[in-house]
N, C-alpha and C. Protein backbone atom coordinates (compact mmCIF):
# COMPACT_ATOMS: atom_id res chain seq x y z
N MET A 1 110.74 92.88 122.18
CA MET A 1 110.30 93.09 120.80
C MET A 1 109.12 94.07 120.79
N SER A 2 109.20 95.08 119.96
CA SER A 2 108.14 96.09 119.94
C SER A 2 106.98 95.66 119.04
N THR A 3 105.82 96.18 119.38
CA THR A 3 104.62 95.90 118.60
C THR A 3 104.59 96.82 117.39
N PRO A 4 104.32 96.31 116.18
CA PRO A 4 104.26 97.17 115.00
C PRO A 4 103.21 98.28 115.15
N TYR A 5 103.51 99.42 114.59
CA TYR A 5 102.63 100.59 114.67
C TYR A 5 101.21 100.26 114.23
N ALA A 6 101.07 99.54 113.11
CA ALA A 6 99.75 99.22 112.58
C ALA A 6 98.95 98.38 113.58
N GLU A 7 99.62 97.46 114.26
CA GLU A 7 98.94 96.61 115.24
C GLU A 7 98.46 97.44 116.43
N ILE A 8 99.27 98.39 116.87
CA ILE A 8 98.89 99.27 117.98
C ILE A 8 97.66 100.08 117.59
N ARG A 9 97.71 100.67 116.39
CA ARG A 9 96.57 101.47 115.93
C ARG A 9 95.29 100.65 115.88
N LEU A 10 95.40 99.41 115.40
CA LEU A 10 94.24 98.53 115.30
C LEU A 10 93.68 98.23 116.69
N LYS A 11 94.56 97.99 117.66
CA LYS A 11 94.10 97.73 119.03
C LYS A 11 93.42 98.96 119.61
N LEU A 12 93.98 100.13 119.37
CA LEU A 12 93.38 101.36 119.88
C LEU A 12 92.03 101.65 119.22
N TRP A 13 91.94 101.35 117.94
CA TRP A 13 90.72 101.64 117.20
C TRP A 13 89.59 100.71 117.61
N GLY A 14 89.92 99.50 118.02
CA GLY A 14 88.90 98.56 118.48
C GLY A 14 88.45 97.61 117.39
N GLU A 15 87.50 96.80 117.75
CA GLU A 15 86.98 95.79 116.84
C GLU A 15 86.17 96.44 115.72
N VAL A 16 86.39 95.98 114.51
CA VAL A 16 85.67 96.51 113.37
C VAL A 16 84.33 95.79 113.24
N LYS A 17 83.28 96.56 113.10
CA LYS A 17 81.95 95.98 112.91
C LYS A 17 81.53 96.22 111.47
N PHE A 18 81.18 95.17 110.77
CA PHE A 18 80.74 95.27 109.38
C PHE A 18 79.22 95.28 109.38
N ASP A 19 78.63 96.31 108.87
CA ASP A 19 77.17 96.46 108.90
C ASP A 19 76.68 96.85 107.52
N HIS A 20 76.08 95.89 106.81
CA HIS A 20 75.64 96.16 105.44
C HIS A 20 74.42 97.07 105.40
N THR A 21 73.81 97.37 106.56
CA THR A 21 72.65 98.25 106.55
C THR A 21 73.07 99.72 106.56
N LEU A 22 74.36 99.99 106.80
CA LEU A 22 74.85 101.37 106.78
C LEU A 22 74.91 101.88 105.34
N HIS A 23 74.71 103.17 105.19
CA HIS A 23 74.88 103.78 103.88
C HIS A 23 76.37 103.90 103.58
N GLY A 24 76.68 104.05 102.32
CA GLY A 24 78.06 104.26 101.93
C GLY A 24 78.82 102.96 101.76
N CYS A 25 80.10 103.13 101.46
CA CYS A 25 80.92 101.95 101.21
C CYS A 25 82.39 102.32 101.24
N VAL A 26 83.20 101.29 101.29
CA VAL A 26 84.63 101.43 101.04
C VAL A 26 84.83 100.95 99.61
N TYR A 27 85.53 101.73 98.81
CA TYR A 27 85.69 101.39 97.39
C TYR A 27 87.16 101.19 97.05
N PHE A 28 87.35 100.56 95.90
CA PHE A 28 88.68 100.31 95.37
C PHE A 28 88.73 100.85 93.95
N ALA A 29 89.70 101.71 93.66
CA ALA A 29 89.87 102.26 92.33
C ALA A 29 91.29 101.95 91.85
N GLU A 30 91.38 101.46 90.63
CA GLU A 30 92.68 101.10 90.06
C GLU A 30 93.16 102.22 89.16
N CYS A 31 94.40 102.64 89.35
CA CYS A 31 95.03 103.66 88.51
C CYS A 31 95.71 102.95 87.35
N MET A 32 95.20 103.15 86.14
CA MET A 32 95.63 102.39 84.96
C MET A 32 96.92 102.96 84.36
N ILE A 33 98.01 102.83 85.10
CA ILE A 33 99.31 103.27 84.61
C ILE A 33 99.76 102.38 83.46
N ASP A 34 99.56 101.08 83.62
CA ASP A 34 99.98 100.10 82.60
C ASP A 34 98.79 99.19 82.29
N LYS A 35 98.11 99.47 81.19
CA LYS A 35 96.91 98.69 80.83
C LYS A 35 97.26 97.26 80.44
N GLY A 36 98.50 96.99 80.12
CA GLY A 36 98.92 95.65 79.73
C GLY A 36 99.35 94.79 80.91
N ASP A 37 99.70 95.42 82.03
CA ASP A 37 100.20 94.67 83.18
C ASP A 37 99.67 95.31 84.46
N ALA A 38 98.59 94.74 85.01
CA ALA A 38 97.95 95.30 86.20
C ALA A 38 98.82 95.25 87.45
N SER A 39 99.91 94.50 87.40
CA SER A 39 100.78 94.41 88.58
C SER A 39 101.50 95.73 88.86
N HIS A 40 101.42 96.69 87.94
CA HIS A 40 102.02 98.00 88.13
C HIS A 40 101.00 99.07 88.51
N ASN A 41 99.74 98.71 88.59
CA ASN A 41 98.68 99.69 88.79
C ASN A 41 98.29 99.85 90.25
N PRO A 42 98.58 101.02 90.84
CA PRO A 42 98.21 101.25 92.24
C PRO A 42 96.69 101.18 92.44
N ILE A 43 96.29 100.86 93.66
CA ILE A 43 94.87 100.77 93.99
C ILE A 43 94.59 101.72 95.15
N LYS A 44 93.56 102.52 94.99
CA LYS A 44 93.13 103.44 96.05
C LYS A 44 92.07 102.73 96.89
N ILE A 45 92.23 102.78 98.20
CA ILE A 45 91.21 102.32 99.13
C ILE A 45 90.61 103.57 99.74
N GLY A 46 89.38 103.87 99.37
CA GLY A 46 88.73 105.09 99.84
C GLY A 46 87.34 104.81 100.37
N MET A 47 86.68 105.86 100.83
CA MET A 47 85.34 105.73 101.39
C MET A 47 84.40 106.70 100.70
N CYS A 48 83.18 106.26 100.52
CA CYS A 48 82.15 107.08 99.88
C CYS A 48 80.94 107.09 100.81
N ALA A 49 80.40 108.27 101.11
CA ALA A 49 79.31 108.39 102.08
C ALA A 49 78.03 107.70 101.61
N GLU A 50 77.76 107.70 100.34
CA GLU A 50 76.57 107.06 99.78
C GLU A 50 77.00 106.16 98.63
N THR A 51 76.55 104.91 98.64
CA THR A 51 76.97 103.97 97.60
C THR A 51 76.56 104.45 96.22
N TRP A 52 75.37 105.05 96.09
CA TRP A 52 74.92 105.48 94.78
C TRP A 52 75.81 106.56 94.19
N SER A 53 76.61 107.25 95.04
CA SER A 53 77.48 108.32 94.53
C SER A 53 78.87 107.81 94.16
N LEU A 54 79.10 106.51 94.24
CA LEU A 54 80.41 105.95 93.93
C LEU A 54 80.88 106.27 92.51
N PRO A 55 80.04 106.11 91.48
CA PRO A 55 80.51 106.49 90.13
C PRO A 55 80.94 107.95 90.04
N GLN A 56 80.21 108.84 90.74
CA GLN A 56 80.58 110.25 90.75
C GLN A 56 81.89 110.47 91.50
N ARG A 57 82.12 109.68 92.56
CA ARG A 57 83.37 109.80 93.32
C ARG A 57 84.56 109.44 92.46
N ILE A 58 84.44 108.36 91.68
CA ILE A 58 85.53 107.94 90.80
C ILE A 58 85.78 109.03 89.75
N LYS A 59 84.71 109.61 89.21
CA LYS A 59 84.87 110.69 88.23
C LYS A 59 85.55 111.90 88.84
N ALA A 60 85.21 112.22 90.09
CA ALA A 60 85.83 113.37 90.77
C ALA A 60 87.32 113.12 90.99
N LEU A 61 87.68 111.90 91.35
CA LEU A 61 89.09 111.57 91.52
C LEU A 61 89.84 111.67 90.20
N GLN A 62 89.16 111.37 89.11
CA GLN A 62 89.79 111.35 87.80
C GLN A 62 90.32 112.73 87.42
N THR A 63 89.64 113.78 87.85
CA THR A 63 90.06 115.13 87.45
C THR A 63 91.45 115.50 87.96
N SER A 64 91.90 114.86 89.06
CA SER A 64 93.22 115.19 89.59
C SER A 64 94.23 114.06 89.38
N ASN A 65 93.94 113.18 88.43
CA ASN A 65 94.83 112.05 88.18
C ASN A 65 95.16 112.00 86.69
N PRO A 66 96.42 111.97 86.32
CA PRO A 66 96.78 111.96 84.90
C PRO A 66 96.51 110.62 84.20
N PHE A 67 96.32 109.56 84.99
CA PHE A 67 96.04 108.24 84.42
C PHE A 67 94.57 107.90 84.60
N GLU A 68 94.04 107.08 83.71
CA GLU A 68 92.66 106.64 83.82
C GLU A 68 92.45 105.87 85.12
N LEU A 69 91.34 106.16 85.81
CA LEU A 69 90.97 105.41 87.00
C LEU A 69 89.85 104.45 86.63
N LYS A 70 89.94 103.24 87.14
CA LYS A 70 88.94 102.21 86.85
C LYS A 70 88.37 101.71 88.16
N TYR A 71 87.04 101.67 88.23
CA TYR A 71 86.37 101.10 89.39
C TYR A 71 86.80 99.65 89.52
N ALA A 72 87.23 99.24 90.72
CA ALA A 72 87.69 97.87 90.92
C ALA A 72 86.77 97.07 91.84
N GLY A 73 86.01 97.73 92.71
CA GLY A 73 85.11 97.03 93.60
C GLY A 73 84.73 97.87 94.80
N PHE A 74 83.86 97.30 95.64
CA PHE A 74 83.45 98.00 96.86
C PHE A 74 82.98 97.01 97.91
N ILE A 75 82.98 97.48 99.15
CA ILE A 75 82.42 96.73 100.28
C ILE A 75 81.38 97.64 100.91
N PRO A 76 80.12 97.24 100.92
CA PRO A 76 79.07 98.09 101.49
C PRO A 76 79.17 98.20 103.00
N GLY A 77 78.72 99.35 103.53
CA GLY A 77 78.71 99.56 104.98
C GLY A 77 80.11 99.72 105.54
N GLY A 78 80.21 99.73 106.84
CA GLY A 78 81.52 99.78 107.48
C GLY A 78 82.06 101.18 107.74
N GLY A 79 81.86 102.08 106.80
CA GLY A 79 82.28 103.46 106.98
C GLY A 79 83.76 103.65 107.25
N PRO A 80 84.09 104.73 107.98
CA PRO A 80 85.50 105.07 108.22
C PRO A 80 86.24 104.01 109.02
N LYS A 81 85.53 103.26 109.87
CA LYS A 81 86.20 102.22 110.65
C LYS A 81 86.71 101.11 109.74
N LEU A 82 85.90 100.72 108.77
CA LEU A 82 86.33 99.69 107.83
C LEU A 82 87.46 100.21 106.95
N GLU A 83 87.36 101.44 106.50
CA GLU A 83 88.43 102.03 105.69
C GLU A 83 89.75 102.04 106.46
N MET A 84 89.71 102.47 107.71
CA MET A 84 90.92 102.49 108.54
C MET A 84 91.46 101.07 108.73
N TYR A 85 90.58 100.12 108.98
CA TYR A 85 91.00 98.73 109.15
C TYR A 85 91.72 98.22 107.91
N LEU A 86 91.16 98.49 106.72
CA LEU A 86 91.78 98.02 105.48
C LEU A 86 93.11 98.73 105.23
N HIS A 87 93.20 100.01 105.55
CA HIS A 87 94.47 100.73 105.40
C HIS A 87 95.54 100.08 106.28
N LEU A 88 95.17 99.70 107.48
CA LEU A 88 96.13 99.05 108.38
C LEU A 88 96.43 97.63 107.94
N GLN A 89 95.41 96.92 107.49
CA GLN A 89 95.58 95.53 107.04
C GLN A 89 96.57 95.45 105.87
N PHE A 90 96.54 96.44 104.98
CA PHE A 90 97.38 96.43 103.79
C PHE A 90 98.50 97.47 103.88
N ASP A 91 98.87 97.86 105.09
CA ASP A 91 99.91 98.86 105.29
C ASP A 91 101.22 98.45 104.62
N HIS A 92 101.50 97.15 104.56
CA HIS A 92 102.73 96.67 103.93
C HIS A 92 102.77 96.94 102.43
N LEU A 93 101.61 97.29 101.85
CA LEU A 93 101.53 97.59 100.41
C LEU A 93 101.38 99.10 100.15
N ARG A 94 101.31 99.89 101.21
CA ARG A 94 101.04 101.33 101.05
C ARG A 94 102.15 102.02 100.27
N MET A 95 101.73 102.80 99.28
CA MET A 95 102.66 103.62 98.51
C MET A 95 102.72 105.01 99.13
N ARG A 96 101.53 105.63 99.22
CA ARG A 96 101.41 106.96 99.80
C ARG A 96 99.92 107.22 100.05
N GLY A 97 99.62 107.74 101.22
CA GLY A 97 98.24 108.06 101.54
C GLY A 97 97.32 106.86 101.42
N GLU A 98 96.33 106.97 100.56
CA GLU A 98 95.35 105.90 100.37
C GLU A 98 95.64 105.04 99.14
N TRP A 99 96.86 105.13 98.61
CA TRP A 99 97.25 104.36 97.42
C TRP A 99 98.14 103.19 97.82
N PHE A 100 97.81 102.00 97.27
CA PHE A 100 98.48 100.77 97.65
C PHE A 100 98.95 100.01 96.41
N LEU A 101 100.05 99.28 96.57
CA LEU A 101 100.51 98.38 95.50
C LEU A 101 99.49 97.25 95.34
N PRO A 102 99.34 96.73 94.15
CA PRO A 102 98.35 95.67 93.92
C PRO A 102 98.87 94.29 94.34
N GLY A 103 99.07 94.12 95.64
CA GLY A 103 99.56 92.84 96.16
C GLY A 103 98.52 91.74 96.01
N LYS A 104 98.99 90.51 96.01
CA LYS A 104 98.09 89.36 95.83
C LYS A 104 97.00 89.32 96.89
N ASP A 105 97.34 89.63 98.15
CA ASP A 105 96.34 89.58 99.21
C ASP A 105 95.26 90.65 99.03
N LEU A 106 95.64 91.85 98.60
CA LEU A 106 94.67 92.90 98.35
C LEU A 106 93.78 92.54 97.17
N LEU A 107 94.37 92.07 96.08
CA LEU A 107 93.59 91.70 94.90
C LEU A 107 92.63 90.56 95.20
N LYS A 108 93.05 89.60 96.03
CA LYS A 108 92.18 88.49 96.40
C LYS A 108 90.99 88.98 97.20
N MET A 109 91.23 89.90 98.13
CA MET A 109 90.14 90.45 98.94
C MET A 109 89.13 91.20 98.07
N ILE A 110 89.62 91.98 97.11
CA ILE A 110 88.73 92.70 96.20
C ILE A 110 87.90 91.72 95.37
N GLU A 111 88.56 90.67 94.89
CA GLU A 111 87.87 89.64 94.10
C GLU A 111 86.78 88.96 94.92
N GLU A 112 87.06 88.64 96.17
CA GLU A 112 86.07 88.00 97.04
C GLU A 112 84.90 88.94 97.31
N ALA A 113 85.19 90.22 97.56
CA ALA A 113 84.13 91.20 97.79
C ALA A 113 83.24 91.32 96.56
N ASN A 114 83.84 91.37 95.38
CA ASN A 114 83.06 91.47 94.14
C ASN A 114 82.19 90.24 93.93
N LYS A 115 82.71 89.07 94.27
CA LYS A 115 81.94 87.83 94.13
C LYS A 115 80.72 87.85 95.05
N ILE A 116 80.91 88.24 96.30
CA ILE A 116 79.80 88.32 97.25
C ILE A 116 78.77 89.36 96.79
N ASN A 117 79.25 90.52 96.35
CA ASN A 117 78.34 91.57 95.86
C ASN A 117 77.51 91.06 94.69
N ALA A 118 78.14 90.33 93.77
CA ALA A 118 77.42 89.80 92.61
C ALA A 118 76.36 88.78 93.04
N GLU A 119 76.72 87.91 93.98
CA GLU A 119 75.76 86.92 94.46
C GLU A 119 74.55 87.56 95.14
N LEU A 120 74.77 88.67 95.84
CA LEU A 120 73.70 89.36 96.55
C LEU A 120 73.01 90.42 95.71
N GLY A 121 73.53 90.68 94.51
CA GLY A 121 72.93 91.69 93.64
C GLY A 121 73.22 93.11 94.06
N TRP A 122 74.30 93.31 94.81
CA TRP A 122 74.68 94.65 95.25
C TRP A 122 75.52 95.31 94.18
N THR A 123 75.13 96.51 93.78
CA THR A 123 75.89 97.26 92.79
C THR A 123 76.12 98.67 93.31
N PRO A 124 77.19 99.32 92.91
CA PRO A 124 77.44 100.67 93.39
C PRO A 124 76.43 101.68 92.84
N GLU A 125 75.85 101.41 91.69
CA GLU A 125 74.91 102.35 91.09
C GLU A 125 73.55 102.33 91.79
N TYR A 126 73.12 101.16 92.24
CA TYR A 126 71.77 101.02 92.77
C TYR A 126 71.73 100.65 94.24
N GLY A 127 72.90 100.54 94.88
CA GLY A 127 72.93 100.19 96.30
C GLY A 127 72.48 98.76 96.52
N TRP A 128 71.85 98.51 97.63
CA TRP A 128 71.42 97.17 97.99
C TRP A 128 70.24 97.27 98.91
N SER A 129 69.58 96.16 99.12
CA SER A 129 68.46 96.15 100.07
C SER A 129 68.86 95.29 101.25
N ALA A 130 68.63 95.80 102.44
CA ALA A 130 69.01 95.09 103.67
C ALA A 130 68.00 94.01 104.00
């Protein structure tokens, strides 16, 4: 039995270290194709070098997207390693590139990240204090 490609990549990439003291974040943006039914709205998993620039990043993405983009959440720190990990973790939901179907497991993870951020007072506009 062969090992799935995503599992091989994860093993090669190594253990993911989550470090909230790092600048930047991994963000989630929802493409509002159907405002009445979010189950049809793809989610982008992307990375932003500085957390304070996240609102500008969403605006920049909007210029090349015919549908409204809505900020859905973020995870501070982690950088490209965390982004790669999440892309592999949710590979079964991948539509194309960094766009993913809004599966229950992805939505639950975003909800949990938002809850933790709220408890700690972390916001994309003002960053956080380590």
